[in-house]
Amino acid sequence: MKRWIYNILIAFDQLVNAICCGYPDETLSARCWREDRWFRHVIDVLFWWDIDEDGYLNHCHSSYQHEMERKDLPEEYREGQKACKN
């Protein structure tokens, strides 16, 4: 159930990003980091519990790293699954 709620929240985040002319499979937070948007600091404050080991608010940066590592994709997509079997 917990994972289902998380997936719904990620899907909503990606929908908002797509509506705002972003990539359809990217979260708004990751886009803010990638494009160095001024309001990424606002998003970082909204997700105040997402701090790095140095104690800095870092939600957008960690979201960007999540996207780069493809952590929100199903495992078979992350590992570059071999060609589909017939």
PDB file of N, CA and C in Angstrom:
ATOM      1  N   MET A   1       0.817  -1.195   0.000  1.00  0.00           N
ATOM      2  CA  MET A   1       0.000   0.000   0.000  1.00  0.00           C
ATOM      3  C   MET A   1       0.863   1.262   0.000  1.00  0.00           C
ATOM      4  N   LYS A   2       1.936   1.224   0.801  1.00  0.00           N
ATOM      5  CA  LYS A   2       2.840   2.373   0.882  1.00  0.00           C
ATOM      6  C   LYS A   2       3.474   2.686  -0.480  1.00  0.00           C
ATOM      7  N   ARG A   3       3.921   1.655  -1.160  1.00  0.00           N
ATOM      8  CA  ARG A   3       4.541   1.827  -2.476  1.00  0.00           C
ATOM      9  C   ARG A   3       3.522   2.350  -3.493  1.00  0.00           C
ATOM     10  N   TRP A   4       2.277   1.909  -3.395  1.00  0.00           N
ATOM     11  CA  TRP A   4       1.228   2.373  -4.298  1.00  0.00           C
ATOM     12  C   TRP A   4       1.012   3.874  -4.141  1.00  0.00           C
ATOM     13  N   ILE A   5       0.935   4.344  -2.905  1.00  0.00           N
ATOM     14  CA  ILE A   5       0.755   5.779  -2.644  1.00  0.00           C
ATOM     15  C   ILE A   5       1.952   6.562  -3.182  1.00  0.00           C
ATOM     16  N   TYR A   6       3.153   6.061  -2.942  1.00  0.00           N
ATOM     17  CA  TYR A   6       4.370   6.705  -3.459  1.00  0.00           C
ATOM     18  C   TYR A   6       4.319   6.796  -4.985  1.00  0.00           C
ATOM     19  N   ASN A   7       3.923   5.712  -5.643  1.00  0.00           N
ATOM     20  CA  ASN A   7       3.822   5.711  -7.109  1.00  0.00           C
ATOM     21  C   ASN A   7       2.810   6.729  -7.614  1.00  0.00           C
ATOM     22  N   ILE A   8       1.682   6.858  -6.932  1.00  0.00           N
ATOM     23  CA  ILE A   8       0.662   7.833  -7.314  1.00  0.00           C
ATOM     24  C   ILE A   8       1.213   9.248  -7.166  1.00  0.00           C
ATOM     25  N   LEU A   9       1.932   9.520  -6.085  1.00  0.00           N
ATOM     26  CA  LEU A   9       2.512  10.849  -5.877  1.00  0.00           C
ATOM     27  C   LEU A   9       3.559  11.172  -6.946  1.00  0.00           C
ATOM     28  N   ILE A  10       4.388  10.197  -7.303  1.00  0.00           N
ATOM     29  CA  ILE A  10       5.385  10.403  -8.368  1.00  0.00           C
ATOM     30  C   ILE A  10       4.679  10.660  -9.700  1.00  0.00           C
ATOM     31  N   ALA A  11       3.641   9.897  -9.987  1.00  0.00           N
ATOM     32  CA  ALA A  11       2.896  10.081 -11.239  1.00  0.00           C
ATOM     33  C   ALA A  11       2.259  11.467 -11.296  1.00  0.00           C
ATOM     34  N   PHE A  12       1.704  11.935 -10.187  1.00  0.00           N
ATOM     35  CA  PHE A  12       1.118  13.272 -10.147  1.00  0.00           C
ATOM     36  C   PHE A  12       2.196  14.337 -10.358  1.00  0.00           C
ATOM     37  N   ASP A  13       3.334  14.157  -9.718  1.00  0.00           N
ATOM     38  CA  ASP A  13       4.456  15.081  -9.861  1.00  0.00           C
ATOM     39  C   ASP A  13       4.904  15.149 -11.329  1.00  0.00           C
ATOM     40  N   GLN A  14       5.010  13.999 -11.979  1.00  0.00           N
ATOM     41  CA  GLN A  14       5.420  13.958 -13.380  1.00  0.00           C
ATOM     42  C   GLN A  14       4.350  14.573 -14.284  1.00  0.00           C
ATOM     43  N   LEU A  15       3.083  14.401 -13.931  1.00  0.00           N
ATOM     44  CA  LEU A  15       2.001  15.012 -14.700  1.00  0.00           C
ATOM     45  C   LEU A  15       2.086  16.537 -14.626  1.00  0.00           C
ATOM     46  N   VAL A  16       2.291  17.059 -13.434  1.00  0.00           N
ATOM     47  CA  VAL A  16       2.427  18.513 -13.275  1.00  0.00           C
ATOM     48  C   VAL A  16       3.606  19.011 -14.086  1.00  0.00           C
ATOM     49  N   ASN A  17       4.717  18.293 -14.047  1.00  0.00           N
ATOM     50  CA  ASN A  17       5.887  18.682 -14.819  1.00  0.00           C
ATOM     51  C   ASN A  17       5.592  18.665 -16.323  1.00  0.00           C
ATOM     52  N   ALA A  18       4.896  17.649 -16.793  1.00  0.00           N
ATOM     53  CA  ALA A  18       4.553  17.565 -18.220  1.00  0.00           C
ATOM     54  C   ALA A  18       3.616  18.695 -18.624  1.00  0.00           C
ATOM     55  N   ILE A  19       2.657  19.029 -17.769  1.00  0.00           N
ATOM     56  CA  ILE A  19       1.751  20.143 -18.046  1.00  0.00           C
ATOM     57  C   ILE A  19       2.528  21.449 -18.154  1.00  0.00           C
ATOM     58  N   CYS A  20       3.601  21.563 -17.387  1.00  0.00           N
ATOM     59  CA  CYS A  20       4.454  22.766 -17.411  1.00  0.00           C
ATOM     60  C   CYS A  20       5.535  22.670 -18.486  1.00  0.00           C
ATOM     61  N   CYS A  21       5.285  21.865 -19.515  1.00  0.00           N
ATOM     62  CA  CYS A  21       6.173  21.701 -20.678  1.00  0.00           C
ATOM     63  C   CYS A  21       7.505  21.036 -20.351  1.00  0.00           C
ATOM     64  N   GLY A  22       7.510  20.167 -19.352  1.00  0.00           N
ATOM     65  CA  GLY A  22       8.718  19.417 -19.026  1.00  0.00           C
ATOM     66  C   GLY A  22       8.674  18.024 -19.626  1.00  0.00           C
ATOM     67  N   TYR A  23       9.722  17.242 -19.373  1.00  0.00           N
ATOM     68  CA  TYR A  23       9.751  15.857 -19.835  1.00  0.00           C
ATOM     69  C   TYR A  23       8.677  15.064 -19.091  1.00  0.00           C
ATOM     70  N   PRO A  24       7.962  14.170 -19.776  1.00  0.00           N
ATOM     71  CA  PRO A  24       6.858  13.458 -19.137  1.00  0.00           C
ATOM     72  C   PRO A  24       7.303  12.447 -18.070  1.00  0.00           C
ATOM     73  N   ASP A  25       8.548  12.028 -18.089  1.00  0.00           N
ATOM     74  CA  ASP A  25       9.002  11.040 -17.109  1.00  0.00           C
ATOM     75  C   ASP A  25      10.020  11.647 -16.143  1.00  0.00           C
ATOM     76  N   GLU A  26       9.868  12.930 -15.852  1.00  0.00           N
ATOM     77  CA  GLU A  26      10.787  13.622 -14.951  1.00  0.00           C
ATOM     78  C   GLU A  26       9.954  14.335 -13.895  1.00  0.00           C
ATOM     79  N   THR A  27      10.418  14.299 -12.654  1.00  0.00           N
ATOM     80  CA  THR A  27       9.695  15.020 -11.616  1.00  0.00           C
ATOM     81  C   THR A  27      10.011  16.510 -11.705  1.00  0.00           C
ATOM     82  N   LEU A  28       9.118  17.297 -11.171  1.00  0.00           N
ATOM     83  CA  LEU A  28       9.296  18.743 -11.173  1.00  0.00           C
ATOM     84  C   LEU A  28      10.544  19.134 -10.389  1.00  0.00           C
ATOM     85  N   SER A  29      10.811  18.438  -9.301  1.00  0.00           N
ATOM     86  CA  SER A  29      11.989  18.737  -8.486  1.00  0.00           C
ATOM     87  C   SER A  29      13.280  18.489  -9.257  1.00  0.00           C
ATOM     88  N   ALA A  30      13.352  17.373  -9.961  1.00  0.00           N
ATOM     89  CA  ALA A  30      14.548  17.063 -10.755  1.00  0.00           C
ATOM     90  C   ALA A  30      14.735  18.086 -11.868  1.00  0.00           C
ATOM     91  N   ARG A  31      13.637  18.505 -12.476  1.00  0.00           N
ATOM     92  CA  ARG A  31      13.716  19.511 -13.533  1.00  0.00           C
ATOM     93  C   ARG A  31      14.226  20.841 -12.983  1.00  0.00           C
ATOM     94  N   CYS A  32      13.760  21.213 -11.801  1.00  0.00           N
ATOM     95  CA  CYS A  32      14.224  22.465 -11.191  1.00  0.00           C
ATOM     96  C   CYS A  32      15.731  22.433 -10.975  1.00  0.00           C
ATOM     97  N   TRP A  33      16.262  21.298 -10.554  1.00  0.00           N
ATOM     98  CA  TRP A  33      17.710  21.185 -10.375  1.00  0.00           C
ATOM     99  C   TRP A  33      18.421  21.223 -11.728  1.00  0.00           C
ATOM    100  N   ARG A  34      17.930  20.459 -12.685  1.00  0.00           N
ATOM    101  CA  ARG A  34      18.566  20.360 -13.997  1.00  0.00           C
ATOM    102  C   ARG A  34      18.601  21.709 -14.703  1.00  0.00           C
ATOM    103  N   GLU A  35      17.519  22.459 -14.607  1.00  0.00           N
ATOM    104  CA  GLU A  35      17.437  23.745 -15.290  1.00  0.00           C
ATOM    105  C   GLU A  35      17.871  24.910 -14.404  1.00  0.00           C
ATOM    106  N   ASP A  36      18.303  24.624 -13.193  1.00  0.00           N
ATOM    107  CA  ASP A  36      18.746  25.634 -12.233  1.00  0.00           C
ATOM    108  C   ASP A  36      17.676  26.712 -12.038  1.00  0.00           C
ATOM    109  N   ARG A  37      16.463  26.262 -11.795  1.00  0.00           N
ATOM    110  CA  ARG A  37      15.337  27.173 -11.586  1.00  0.00           C
ATOM    111  C   ARG A  37      15.449  27.851 -10.223  1.00  0.00           C
ATOM    112  N   TRP A  38      15.047  29.097 -10.160  1.00  0.00           N
ATOM    113  CA  TRP A  38      15.148  29.857  -8.914  1.00  0.00           C
ATOM    114  C   TRP A  38      14.273  29.276  -7.816  1.00  0.00           C
ATOM    115  N   PHE A  39      13.116  28.698  -8.178  1.00  0.00           N
ATOM    116  CA  PHE A  39      12.203  28.209  -7.141  1.00  0.00           C
ATOM    117  C   PHE A  39      12.565  26.827  -6.617  1.00  0.00           C
ATOM    118  N   ARG A  40      13.709  26.292  -7.049  1.00  0.00           N
ATOM    119  CA  ARG A  40      14.120  24.999  -6.469  1.00  0.00           C
ATOM    120  C   ARG A  40      14.381  25.149  -4.982  1.00  0.00           C
ATOM    121  N   HIS A  41      14.778  26.350  -4.547  1.00  0.00           N
ATOM    122  CA  HIS A  41      15.009  26.584  -3.122  1.00  0.00           C
ATOM    123  C   HIS A  41      13.698  26.531  -2.340  1.00  0.00           C
ATOM    124  N   VAL A  42      12.617  26.968  -2.968  1.00  0.00           N
ATOM    125  CA  VAL A  42      11.292  26.882  -2.356  1.00  0.00           C
ATOM    126  C   VAL A  42      10.894  25.413  -2.203  1.00  0.00           C
ATOM    127  N   ILE A  43      11.121  24.635  -3.245  1.00  0.00           N
ATOM    128  CA  ILE A  43      10.804  23.204  -3.194  1.00  0.00           C
ATOM    129  C   ILE A  43      11.656  22.516  -2.134  1.00  0.00           C
ATOM    130  N   ASP A  44      12.938  22.872  -2.061  1.00  0.00           N
ATOM    131  CA  ASP A  44      13.807  22.293  -1.029  1.00  0.00           C
ATOM    132  C   ASP A  44      13.260  22.563   0.369  1.00  0.00           C
ATOM    133  N   VAL A  45      12.755  23.768   0.591  1.00  0.00           N
ATOM    134  CA  VAL A  45      12.194  24.112   1.902  1.00  0.00           C
ATOM    135  C   VAL A  45      10.908  23.336   2.167  1.00  0.00           C
ATOM    136  N   LEU A  46      10.082  23.144   1.129  1.00  0.00           N
ATOM    137  CA  LEU A  46       8.854  22.372   1.303  1.00  0.00           C
ATOM    138  C   LEU A  46       9.145  20.925   1.712  1.00  0.00           C
ATOM    139  N   PHE A  47      10.261  20.387   1.217  1.00  0.00           N
ATOM    140  CA  PHE A  47      10.683  19.029   1.577  1.00  0.00           C
ATOM    141  C   PHE A  47      11.851  19.112   2.552  1.00  0.00           C
ATOM    142  N   TRP A  48      11.632  19.825   3.644  1.00  0.00           N
ATOM    143  CA  TRP A  48      12.680  20.135   4.615  1.00  0.00           C
ATOM    144  C   TRP A  48      13.337  18.904   5.231  1.00  0.00           C
ATOM    145  N   TRP A  49      12.675  17.766   5.235  1.00  0.00           N
ATOM    146  CA  TRP A  49      13.255  16.565   5.830  1.00  0.00           C
ATOM    147  C   TRP A  49      14.289  15.895   4.914  1.00  0.00           C
ATOM    148  N   ASP A  50      14.359  16.305   3.662  1.00  0.00           N
ATOM    149  CA  ASP A  50      15.296  15.703   2.704  1.00  0.00           C
ATOM    150  C   ASP A  50      16.618  16.487   2.727  1.00  0.00           C
ATOM    151  N   ILE A  51      17.443  16.186   3.722  1.00  0.00           N
ATOM    152  CA  ILE A  51      18.712  16.894   3.855  1.00  0.00           C
ATOM    153  C   ILE A  51      19.868  15.936   3.545  1.00  0.00           C
ATOM    154  N   ASP A  52      20.991  16.496   3.108  1.00  0.00           N
ATOM    155  CA  ASP A  52      22.149  15.656   2.804  1.00  0.00           C
ATOM    156  C   ASP A  52      23.000  15.463   4.059  1.00  0.00           C
ATOM    157  N   GLU A  53      24.110  14.759   3.913  1.00  0.00           N
ATOM    158  CA  GLU A  53      24.948  14.445   5.074  1.00  0.00           C
ATOM    159  C   GLU A  53      25.607  15.687   5.683  1.00  0.00           C
ATOM    160  N   ASP A  54      25.669  16.782   4.945  1.00  0.00           N
ATOM    161  CA  ASP A  54      26.238  18.022   5.469  1.00  0.00           C
ATOM    162  C   ASP A  54      25.190  18.917   6.120  1.00  0.00           C
ATOM    163  N   GLY A  55      23.925  18.475   6.119  1.00  0.00           N
ATOM    164  CA  GLY A  55      22.861  19.219   6.756  1.00  0.00           C
ATOM    165  C   GLY A  55      22.207  20.264   5.872  1.00  0.00           C
ATOM    166  N   TYR A  56      22.436  20.197   4.553  1.00  0.00           N
ATOM    167  CA  TYR A  56      21.827  21.156   3.631  1.00  0.00           C
ATOM    168  C   TYR A  56      20.528  20.607   3.054  1.00  0.00           C
ATOM    169  N   LEU A  57      19.571  21.505   2.832  1.00  0.00           N
ATOM    170  CA  LEU A  57      18.336  21.122   2.139  1.00  0.00           C
ATOM    171  C   LEU A  57      18.707  20.783   0.700  1.00  0.00           C
ATOM    172  N   ASN A  58      18.332  19.605   0.272  1.00  0.00           N
ATOM    173  CA  ASN A  58      18.848  19.122  -1.007  1.00  0.00           C
ATOM    174  C   ASN A  58      17.841  18.270  -1.763  1.00  0.00           C
ATOM    175  N   HIS A  59      16.561  18.530  -1.619  1.00  0.00           N
ATOM    176  CA  HIS A  59      15.557  17.676  -2.247  1.00  0.00           C
ATOM    177  C   HIS A  59      15.677  17.654  -3.768  1.00  0.00           C
ATOM    178  N   CYS A  60      15.827  18.816  -4.378  1.00  0.00           N
ATOM    179  CA  CYS A  60      15.878  18.870  -5.845  1.00  0.00           C
ATOM    180  C   CYS A  60      17.102  18.133  -6.388  1.00  0.00           C
ATOM    181  N   HIS A  61      18.224  18.292  -5.725  1.00  0.00           N
ATOM    182  CA  HIS A  61      19.435  17.603  -6.175  1.00  0.00           C
ATOM    183  C   HIS A  61      19.285  16.090  -6.023  1.00  0.00           C
ATOM    184  N   SER A  62      18.741  15.650  -4.897  1.00  0.00           N
ATOM    185  CA  SER A  62      18.571  14.200  -4.722  1.00  0.00           C
ATOM    186  C   SER A  62      17.525  13.652  -5.700  1.00  0.00           C
ATOM    187  N   SER A  63      16.504  14.451  -6.046  1.00  0.00           N
ATOM    188  CA  SER A  63      15.523  14.025  -7.045  1.00  0.00           C
ATOM    189  C   SER A  63      16.177  13.874  -8.413  1.00  0.00           C
ATOM    190  N   TYR A  64      17.056  14.802  -8.742  1.00  0.00           N
ATOM    191  CA  TYR A  64      17.792  14.731 -10.007  1.00  0.00           C
ATOM    192  C   TYR A  64      18.669  13.472 -10.044  1.00  0.00           C
ATOM    193  N   GLN A  65      19.370  13.197  -8.947  1.00  0.00           N
ATOM    194  CA  GLN A  65      20.187  11.979  -8.884  1.00  0.00           C
ATOM    195  C   GLN A  65      19.323  10.734  -9.012  1.00  0.00           C
ATOM    196  N   HIS A  66      18.155  10.753  -8.394  1.00  0.00           N
ATOM    197  CA  HIS A  66      17.197   9.646  -8.495  1.00  0.00           C
ATOM    198  C   HIS A  66      16.837   9.396  -9.962  1.00  0.00           C
ATOM    199  N   GLU A  67      16.574  10.476 -10.683  1.00  0.00           N
ATOM    200  CA  GLU A  67      16.227  10.360 -12.107  1.00  0.00           C
ATOM    201  C   GLU A  67      17.408   9.800 -12.906  1.00  0.00           C
ATOM    202  N   MET A  68      18.598  10.298 -12.634  1.00  0.00           N
ATOM    203  CA  MET A  68      19.783   9.855 -13.369  1.00  0.00           C
ATOM    204  C   MET A  68      20.075   8.372 -13.124  1.00  0.00           C
ATOM    205  N   GLU A  69      19.786   7.912 -11.928  1.00  0.00           N
ATOM    206  CA  GLU A  69      20.007   6.504 -11.583  1.00  0.00           C
ATOM    207  C   GLU A  69      18.793   5.644 -11.918  1.00  0.00           C
ATOM    208  N   ARG A  70      17.741   6.271 -12.433  1.00  0.00           N
ATOM    209  CA  ARG A  70      16.511   5.594 -12.863  1.00  0.00           C
ATOM    210  C   ARG A  70      15.858   4.791 -11.742  1.00  0.00           C
ATOM    211  N   LYS A  71      15.894   5.303 -10.532  1.00  0.00           N
ATOM    212  CA  LYS A  71      15.401   4.570  -9.370  1.00  0.00           C
ATOM    213  C   LYS A  71      13.881   4.438  -9.318  1.00  0.00           C
ATOM    214  N   ASP A  72      13.144   5.300 -10.014  1.00  0.00           N
ATOM    215  CA  ASP A  72      11.689   5.204  -9.986  1.00  0.00           C
ATOM    216  C   ASP A  72      11.131   4.307 -11.076  1.00  0.00           C
ATOM    217  N   LEU A  73      12.008   3.739 -11.889  1.00  0.00           N
ATOM    218  CA  LEU A  73      11.557   2.815 -12.923  1.00  0.00           C
ATOM    219  C   LEU A  73      11.475   1.398 -12.367  1.00  0.00           C
ATOM    220  N   PRO A  74      10.625   0.566 -12.947  1.00  0.00           N
ATOM    221  CA  PRO A  74      10.627  -0.847 -12.547  1.00  0.00           C
ATOM    222  C   PRO A  74      12.006  -1.457 -12.787  1.00  0.00           C
ATOM    223  N   GLU A  75      12.339  -2.444 -12.016  1.00  0.00           N
ATOM    224  CA  GLU A  75      13.680  -3.036 -12.045  1.00  0.00           C
ATOM    225  C   GLU A  75      14.112  -3.479 -13.446  1.00  0.00           C
ATOM    226  N   GLU A  76      13.196  -4.070 -14.219  1.00  0.00           N
ATOM    227  CA  GLU A  76      13.579  -4.545 -15.550  1.00  0.00           C
ATOM    228  C   GLU A  76      13.978  -3.401 -16.483  1.00  0.00           C
ATOM    229  N   TYR A  77      13.455  -2.204 -16.265  1.00  0.00           N
ATOM    230  CA  TYR A  77      13.862  -1.052 -17.074  1.00  0.00           C
ATOM    231  C   TYR A  77      15.196  -0.494 -16.595  1.00  0.00           C
ATOM    232  N   ARG A  78      15.432  -0.533 -15.310  1.00  0.00           N
ATOM    233  CA  ARG A  78      16.689  -0.013 -14.765  1.00  0.00           C
ATOM    234  C   ARG A  78      17.885  -0.817 -15.216  1.00  0.00           C
ATOM    235  N   GLU A  79      17.713  -2.102 -15.326  1.00  0.00           N
ATOM    236  CA  GLU A  79      18.841  -2.972 -15.646  1.00  0.00           C
ATOM    237  C   GLU A  79      19.036  -3.144 -17.142  1.00  0.00           C
ATOM    238  N   GLY A  80      18.224  -2.483 -17.959  1.00  0.00           N
ATOM    239  CA  GLY A  80      18.370  -2.636 -19.407  1.00  0.00           C
ATOM    240  C   GLY A  80      18.076  -4.057 -19.835  1.00  0.00           C
ATOM    241  N   GLN A  81      16.910  -4.524 -19.469  1.00  0.00           N
ATOM    242  CA  GLN A  81      16.490  -5.904 -19.770  1.00  0.00           C
ATOM    243  C   GLN A  81      16.809  -6.289 -21.206  1.00  0.00           C
ATOM    244  N   LYS A  82      17.231  -7.495 -21.394  1.00  0.00           N
ATOM    245  CA  LYS A  82      17.531  -8.018 -22.724  1.00  0.00           C
ATOM    246  C   LYS A  82      16.286  -7.952 -23.607  1.00  0.00           C
ATOM    247  N   ALA A  83      16.430  -8.222 -24.866  1.00  0.00           N
ATOM    248  CA  ALA A  83      15.307  -8.186 -25.814  1.00  0.00           C
ATOM    249  C   ALA A  83      14.163  -9.066 -25.317  1.00  0.00           C
ATOM    250  N   CYS A  84      12.958  -8.627 -25.612  1.00  0.00           N
ATOM    251  CA  CYS A  84      11.765  -9.378 -25.173  1.00  0.00           C
ATOM    252  C   CYS A  84      11.757 -10.781 -25.747  1.00  0.00           C
ATOM    253  N   LYS A  85      11.287 -11.696 -24.956  1.00  0.00           N
ATOM    254  CA  LYS A  85      11.172 -13.076 -25.419  1.00  0.00           C
ATOM    255  C   LYS A  85       9.853 -13.241 -26.142  1.00  0.00           C
ATOM    256  N   ASN A  86       9.858 -14.008 -27.204  1.00  0.00           N
ATOM    257  CA  ASN A  86       8.629 -14.237 -27.988  1.00  0.00           C
ATOM    258  C   ASN A  86       7.759 -15.250 -27.330  1.00  0.00           C
TER     259      ASN A  86
END
